[in-house]
Protein backbone atom coordinates (compact mmCIF):
# COMPACT_ATOMS: atom_id res chain seq x y z
CA MET A 1 57.36 -172.67 -15.23
CA TYR A 2 58.65 -175.28 -12.64
CA SER A 3 58.67 -179.10 -13.85
CA ARG A 4 56.30 -181.77 -11.79
CA TRP A 5 59.33 -183.52 -11.39
CA PHE A 6 61.41 -180.52 -9.85
CA ASN A 7 58.36 -179.96 -7.66
CA VAL A 8 58.52 -184.02 -6.73
CA ALA A 9 62.43 -183.89 -5.74
CA VAL A 10 62.07 -180.41 -3.85
CA ILE A 11 59.29 -182.43 -1.81
CA VAL A 12 61.81 -185.12 -1.44
CA LEU A 13 64.54 -183.26 -0.22
CA TRP A 14 62.36 -181.02 2.19
CA LEU A 15 61.15 -184.42 3.67
CA THR A 16 64.66 -185.72 3.85
CA THR A 17 65.52 -182.78 5.94
CA MET A 18 62.95 -183.12 8.03
CA GLY A 19 63.82 -186.66 8.68
CA TRP A 20 67.17 -186.04 9.89
CA LEU A 21 66.31 -183.01 12.01
CA PHE A 22 63.39 -185.43 13.91
CA HIS A 23 65.39 -188.31 14.09
CA GLU A 24 68.62 -186.45 15.40
CA LYS A 25 67.73 -183.35 17.51
CA VAL A 26 63.49 -184.06 18.67
CA LEU A 27 63.02 -187.49 18.51
CA PRO A 28 66.21 -188.50 21.05
CA PRO A 29 64.87 -186.41 24.25
CA LEU A 30 61.60 -187.85 23.74
CA LEU A 31 63.38 -191.19 23.89
CA VAL A 32 65.68 -190.49 26.36
CA GLY A 33 64.65 -187.84 28.54
CA GLU A 34 66.24 -184.02 28.35
CA PRO A 35 70.47 -183.72 28.60
CA PRO A 36 71.99 -181.74 31.11
CA SER A 37 71.40 -177.89 31.08
CA TYR A 38 73.66 -175.03 33.18
CA ARG A 39 70.36 -175.13 35.71
CA THR A 40 71.25 -179.09 36.36
CA ILE A 41 74.68 -178.43 36.65
CA LEU A 42 74.55 -175.99 38.73
CA HIS A 43 72.43 -177.74 41.65
CA ALA A 44 75.02 -180.29 41.61
CA GLN A 45 78.00 -178.80 41.06
CA ARG A 46 77.08 -176.13 44.19
CA SER A 47 76.87 -178.70 46.91
CA ASN A 48 80.06 -179.69 46.42
CA PRO A 49 83.60 -178.26 47.31
CA PRO A 50 86.05 -177.46 45.15
CA VAL A 51 87.18 -180.09 42.49
CA GLY A 52 91.05 -180.97 41.79
CA TRP A 53 92.34 -182.98 38.75
CA SER A 54 95.60 -184.63 37.71
CA MET A 55 96.18 -184.40 34.03
CA SER A 56 98.65 -186.12 32.01
CA VAL A 57 99.30 -185.25 28.42
CA ASN A 58 99.62 -188.49 26.18
CA GLY A 59 100.25 -190.66 29.19
CA ARG A 60 103.02 -188.28 31.04
CA PRO A 61 101.82 -186.50 33.84
CA LEU A 62 102.26 -182.33 33.13
CA GLY A 63 100.19 -180.54 35.61
CA TRP A 64 96.56 -180.21 37.61
CA ALA A 65 93.25 -178.43 36.62
CA LEU A 66 91.01 -176.85 39.54
CA SER A 67 87.12 -176.24 39.09
CA LYS A 68 85.04 -173.98 41.40
CA THR A 69 81.49 -172.39 41.68
CA ALA A 70 80.40 -169.68 43.88
CA ASP A 71 77.40 -168.18 44.03
CA LEU A 72 77.46 -163.87 42.94
CA PRO A 73 74.92 -161.14 43.72
CA ASN A 74 71.71 -160.61 41.77
CA GLY A 75 71.59 -164.67 41.55
CA LEU A 76 74.28 -164.90 39.29
CA THR A 77 76.54 -167.93 39.65
CA GLU A 78 80.31 -168.07 38.32
CA ILE A 79 82.06 -171.18 37.18
CA ARG A 80 85.80 -171.07 37.45
CA SER A 81 88.50 -173.19 36.48
CA CYS A 82 92.56 -173.11 35.97
CA VAL A 83 94.49 -175.77 33.95
CA HIS A 84 98.41 -175.72 35.04
CA PHE A 85 100.65 -177.01 32.75
CA GLU A 86 104.26 -177.62 34.85
CA GLU A 87 105.83 -177.34 31.26
CA ILE A 88 104.46 -177.11 27.83
CA PRO A 89 105.07 -179.40 25.26
CA LEU A 90 106.02 -177.25 22.16
CA GLN A 91 105.71 -179.54 19.71
CA GLN A 92 102.60 -181.61 20.87
CA MET A 93 100.48 -179.15 22.07
CA THR A 94 100.36 -175.98 20.49
CA PRO A 95 99.69 -174.71 16.85
CA GLY A 96 102.19 -173.47 14.65
CA TRP A 97 101.26 -169.79 14.54
CA LEU A 98 101.05 -169.71 18.99
CA ARG A 99 104.49 -172.06 18.85
CA GLY A 100 106.44 -169.46 17.37
CA ALA A 101 105.00 -166.12 19.43
CA LEU A 102 106.21 -169.04 22.49
CA GLU A 103 109.74 -169.38 21.50
CA VAL A 104 110.37 -165.70 21.09
CA ILE A 105 110.30 -165.48 25.06
CA ASP A 106 113.25 -164.94 26.30
CA ARG A 107 113.12 -167.93 29.06
CA PRO A 108 114.21 -172.08 28.62
CA ARG A 109 111.90 -174.19 26.42
CA ASN A 110 111.61 -176.46 29.05
CA ALA A 111 111.08 -174.34 32.02
CA LEU A 112 108.15 -172.80 30.14
CA GLU A 113 104.89 -173.06 32.93
CA MET A 114 101.08 -172.32 31.64
CA ASP A 115 98.13 -171.22 33.08
CA ALA A 116 94.95 -171.60 31.47
CA HIS A 117 92.23 -169.83 33.31
CA SER A 118 88.29 -169.66 32.12
CA LEU A 119 85.19 -168.26 33.57
CA LEU A 120 81.85 -168.80 32.90
CA ILE A 121 78.69 -166.45 34.48
CA ILE A 122 75.59 -167.78 34.32
CA ASP A 123 72.35 -166.39 35.06
CA PRO A 124 69.23 -166.67 37.36
CA LEU A 125 67.26 -168.23 34.55
CA GLY A 126 70.28 -170.95 33.72
CA ARG A 127 71.48 -169.16 30.58
CA LEU A 128 75.07 -168.53 30.07
CA SER A 129 75.47 -164.69 30.37
CA ARG A 130 79.59 -163.98 29.66
CA PHE A 131 82.38 -166.41 29.40
CA GLU A 132 86.40 -165.40 29.69
CA SER A 133 88.95 -167.61 29.10
CA ARG A 134 92.78 -166.11 29.27
CA VAL A 135 96.74 -167.94 29.13
CA TRP A 136 99.51 -167.02 31.15
CA LEU A 137 102.69 -167.65 31.27
CA ASP A 138 105.09 -168.37 34.63
CA PRO A 139 101.86 -166.94 35.58
CA LYS A 140 101.98 -163.36 35.65
CA THR A 141 103.03 -162.84 31.57
CA ALA A 142 99.51 -162.36 30.06
CA LEU A 143 99.84 -164.06 26.26
CA LEU A 144 96.16 -164.23 25.02
CA SER A 145 92.86 -163.44 26.29
CA LEU A 146 89.55 -164.00 25.08
CA GLN A 147 86.14 -162.88 26.07
CA GLY A 148 82.52 -162.99 25.05
CA THR A 149 79.09 -161.85 26.04
CA VAL A 150 75.69 -163.67 24.80
CA GLU A 151 72.72 -161.82 23.23
CA GLY A 152 70.12 -164.26 22.86
CA SER A 153 71.40 -167.14 19.94
CA GLU A 154 74.52 -164.58 19.29
CA LEU A 155 78.33 -164.47 20.52
CA GLU A 156 80.12 -161.53 20.82
CA LEU A 157 83.89 -162.79 20.67
CA GLU A 158 86.82 -160.94 21.28
CA VAL A 159 90.32 -162.05 20.67
CA ARG A 160 93.50 -160.01 22.51
CA SER A 161 97.08 -161.03 21.73
CA GLY A 162 99.24 -157.80 22.81
CA ASP A 163 98.47 -155.02 20.55
CA PHE A 164 96.29 -157.77 18.59
CA LEU A 165 92.87 -157.56 18.45
CA TYR A 166 90.16 -159.37 16.57
CA ALA A 167 86.26 -159.24 16.95
CA THR A 168 83.80 -161.08 15.88
CA LYS A 169 79.88 -162.52 16.18
CA ALA A 170 78.99 -166.17 15.87
CA TYR A 171 75.53 -168.38 16.11
CA LEU A 172 74.96 -170.07 19.80
CA PRO A 173 72.62 -172.57 19.29
CA ARG A 174 69.68 -172.79 21.47
CA ASN A 175 70.75 -174.47 25.23
CA ALA A 176 73.72 -175.66 24.27
CA LEU A 177 76.10 -176.04 26.93
CA LEU A 178 79.39 -173.53 25.97
CA GLY A 179 82.41 -174.69 27.49
CA ASP A 180 86.50 -173.89 27.62
CA SER A 181 87.73 -177.01 25.25
CA LEU A 182 90.79 -177.57 27.94
CA SER A 183 88.42 -176.84 31.07
CA PRO A 184 87.38 -180.44 32.37
CA GLN A 185 83.38 -180.52 33.09
CA THR A 186 82.71 -181.25 37.34
CA GLN A 187 79.10 -182.70 36.79
CA LEU A 188 76.46 -183.95 34.27
CA PRO A 189 73.75 -185.16 35.63
CA GLY A 190 70.34 -187.12 34.68
CA LEU A 191 72.75 -189.38 31.87
CA ARG A 192 70.66 -191.49 30.14
CA VAL A 193 72.48 -193.87 27.12
CA GLY A 194 71.20 -192.61 23.65
CA GLN A 195 70.94 -188.15 24.88
CA THR A 196 72.56 -186.15 22.76
CA TRP A 197 73.08 -182.60 23.09
CA THR A 198 74.95 -179.60 21.33
CA VAL A 199 78.28 -178.30 22.69
CA PRO A 200 79.57 -175.26 21.46
CA ALA A 201 83.71 -175.40 22.44
CA TYR A 202 85.67 -172.62 22.71
CA SER A 203 89.50 -172.48 22.63
CA LEU A 204 92.79 -170.09 22.79
CA PHE A 205 94.94 -172.56 21.20
CA ARG A 206 92.65 -172.21 18.25
CA PRO A 207 92.91 -169.36 15.23
CA PRO A 208 92.17 -166.35 16.53
CA ASN A 209 89.65 -165.40 13.89
CA ASP A 210 87.85 -169.31 14.03
CA PRO A 211 88.18 -169.76 18.17
CA MET A 212 84.80 -171.58 18.67
CA GLU A 213 83.89 -175.16 16.90
CA ILE A 214 80.65 -176.77 17.37
CA LEU A 215 80.93 -180.35 18.38
CA GLU A 216 77.54 -183.05 19.36
CA ALA A 217 77.89 -184.97 22.86
CA THR A 218 76.56 -188.55 22.78
CA VAL A 219 75.60 -191.14 25.62
CA GLU A 220 77.01 -194.23 23.89
CA ARG A 221 77.05 -196.98 26.86
CA ILE A 222 77.42 -198.22 30.24
CA GLU A 223 81.54 -198.50 30.02
CA PRO A 224 83.35 -199.99 33.30
CA ILE A 225 86.55 -197.76 34.49
CA ASN A 226 88.74 -198.23 37.42
CA TYR A 227 88.77 -195.69 39.54
CA ASP A 228 90.68 -194.91 42.71
CA GLY A 229 91.53 -198.60 42.81
CA ARG A 230 88.24 -200.05 42.08
CA PRO A 231 85.83 -200.64 39.56
CA GLU A 232 83.17 -198.07 38.67
CA ASP A 233 80.63 -198.31 36.28
CA THR A 234 80.07 -195.26 34.02
CA LEU A 235 78.11 -193.54 31.30
CA LEU A 236 80.43 -192.88 28.35
CA VAL A 237 79.79 -189.85 26.98
CA VAL A 238 81.75 -189.41 23.71
CA TYR A 239 82.68 -185.95 21.90
CA ARG A 240 82.26 -185.15 18.09
CA ASN A 241 82.14 -182.56 15.64
CA ASP A 242 78.46 -182.42 15.01
CA PRO A 243 76.89 -183.35 11.24
CA GLY A 244 74.60 -180.46 11.93
CA PHE A 245 77.51 -178.37 11.24
CA GLY A 246 79.22 -179.14 7.77
CA ILE A 247 78.84 -181.78 5.31
CA GLY A 248 81.44 -184.89 5.34
CA ARG A 249 83.36 -183.56 8.34
CA ASP A 250 85.67 -186.05 10.90
CA ARG A 251 83.30 -187.96 13.00
CA SER A 252 85.84 -189.24 14.94
CA PRO A 253 86.21 -188.74 18.72
CA ARG A 254 87.07 -185.45 19.86
CA GLY A 255 86.71 -185.85 23.50
CA LYS A 256 85.56 -188.01 26.32
CA LEU A 257 83.69 -188.38 29.57
CA TRP A 258 83.57 -191.28 32.31
CA VAL A 259 80.54 -189.96 34.59
CA ARG A 260 79.09 -192.07 37.35
CA GLY A 261 75.76 -192.56 37.53
CA ASP A 262 75.00 -190.02 39.88
CA GLY A 263 76.59 -187.56 37.57
CA THR A 264 80.00 -186.93 39.07
CA VAL A 265 82.90 -187.30 36.22
CA LEU A 266 85.71 -189.11 36.54
CA LYS A 267 87.51 -189.03 34.69
CA GLN A 268 88.00 -187.46 30.62
CA GLU A 269 89.96 -187.15 27.80
CA VAL A 270 89.89 -184.04 25.19
CA THR A 271 92.02 -184.53 21.54
CA PHE A 272 93.97 -181.45 20.64
CA LEU A 273 96.49 -181.57 17.96
CA ASN A 274 98.38 -184.65 17.94
CA SER A 275 97.81 -185.51 22.01
CA THR A 276 95.40 -186.69 24.31
CA MET A 277 95.11 -184.66 27.46
CA THR A 278 93.37 -187.06 30.64
CA PHE A 279 92.14 -185.71 33.60
CA VAL A 280 91.22 -188.05 36.18
CA ARG A 281 89.63 -186.36 39.53
CA LEU A 282 91.09 -186.37 42.91
CA SER A 283 89.66 -187.14 45.95
CA ASP A 284 88.18 -184.09 48.16
CA LYS A 285 91.51 -184.14 50.82
CA GLU A 286 93.66 -183.54 47.52
CA SER A 287 91.12 -181.22 46.07
CA TYR A 288 91.32 -179.07 49.38
CA GLU A 289 95.09 -179.12 49.21
CA LEU A 290 95.54 -178.42 45.72
CA ASP A 291 93.02 -175.07 45.94
CA LEU A 292 95.10 -173.56 48.94
CA LYS A 293 98.56 -173.44 46.26
CA SER A 294 96.71 -172.73 43.42
CA THR A 295 96.46 -169.21 41.67
CA ILE A 296 92.36 -170.24 40.58
CA ASN A 297 90.81 -166.84 42.31
């Protein structure tokens, strides 16, 4: 029979756990409002033309990105993006397992271009239905692909590379905004300082048997930036490892977004391996011209 002190310890542990859960996951929406959802994001994006981005890696211009949203039959909506690398910085941007595969390709290493395409399909109720991510070289050589379907809170994932196939299942937190780590986010409407939400992020640059990680997004503060030659007050959103999915994990920033008050994302950074990718939003005219020449479809 358990002692009284053991029962007390169990109750204290339960209260501590519930206190953390209430403080971190329940209380913030009550104080600062609900975080962005696919429904609110799509409402903002549908009225926008394609959005282009200039891209740099560690301060060096290296390519561009393009994001597009379109309505499909049966009430579905697709969000497509393409990130184009003019040149792949192998040592900085590719993990060892992928670097080896790229180095055997019969082309000069400094001539390797790469396109990373992603696709999200959202159902009429504003829920993620399926997604795809593919990496192409020059631009017809298929290198890697990842496909996923959502059933309730379960993700079914499939990673392919040549004859290699890896299939697995993963848990998807409720109301989470899943996305490709490399794809820029165009809109985050209705932000307030103090909001938090869960972001499962997948990437074909992660090991094939571990393509997804769970991040926590927090609107930390108002921060002025210089955008298009003028000052802009923005809301700073910072992505870190979610403390609820692992003990003692590194909480240093994994990404940052600078969002104008109307929800328009002006700039974002992604920390990957030892590099920082920076995306800066282009003007509508520049985005239109980029859309005409891009490989996104």
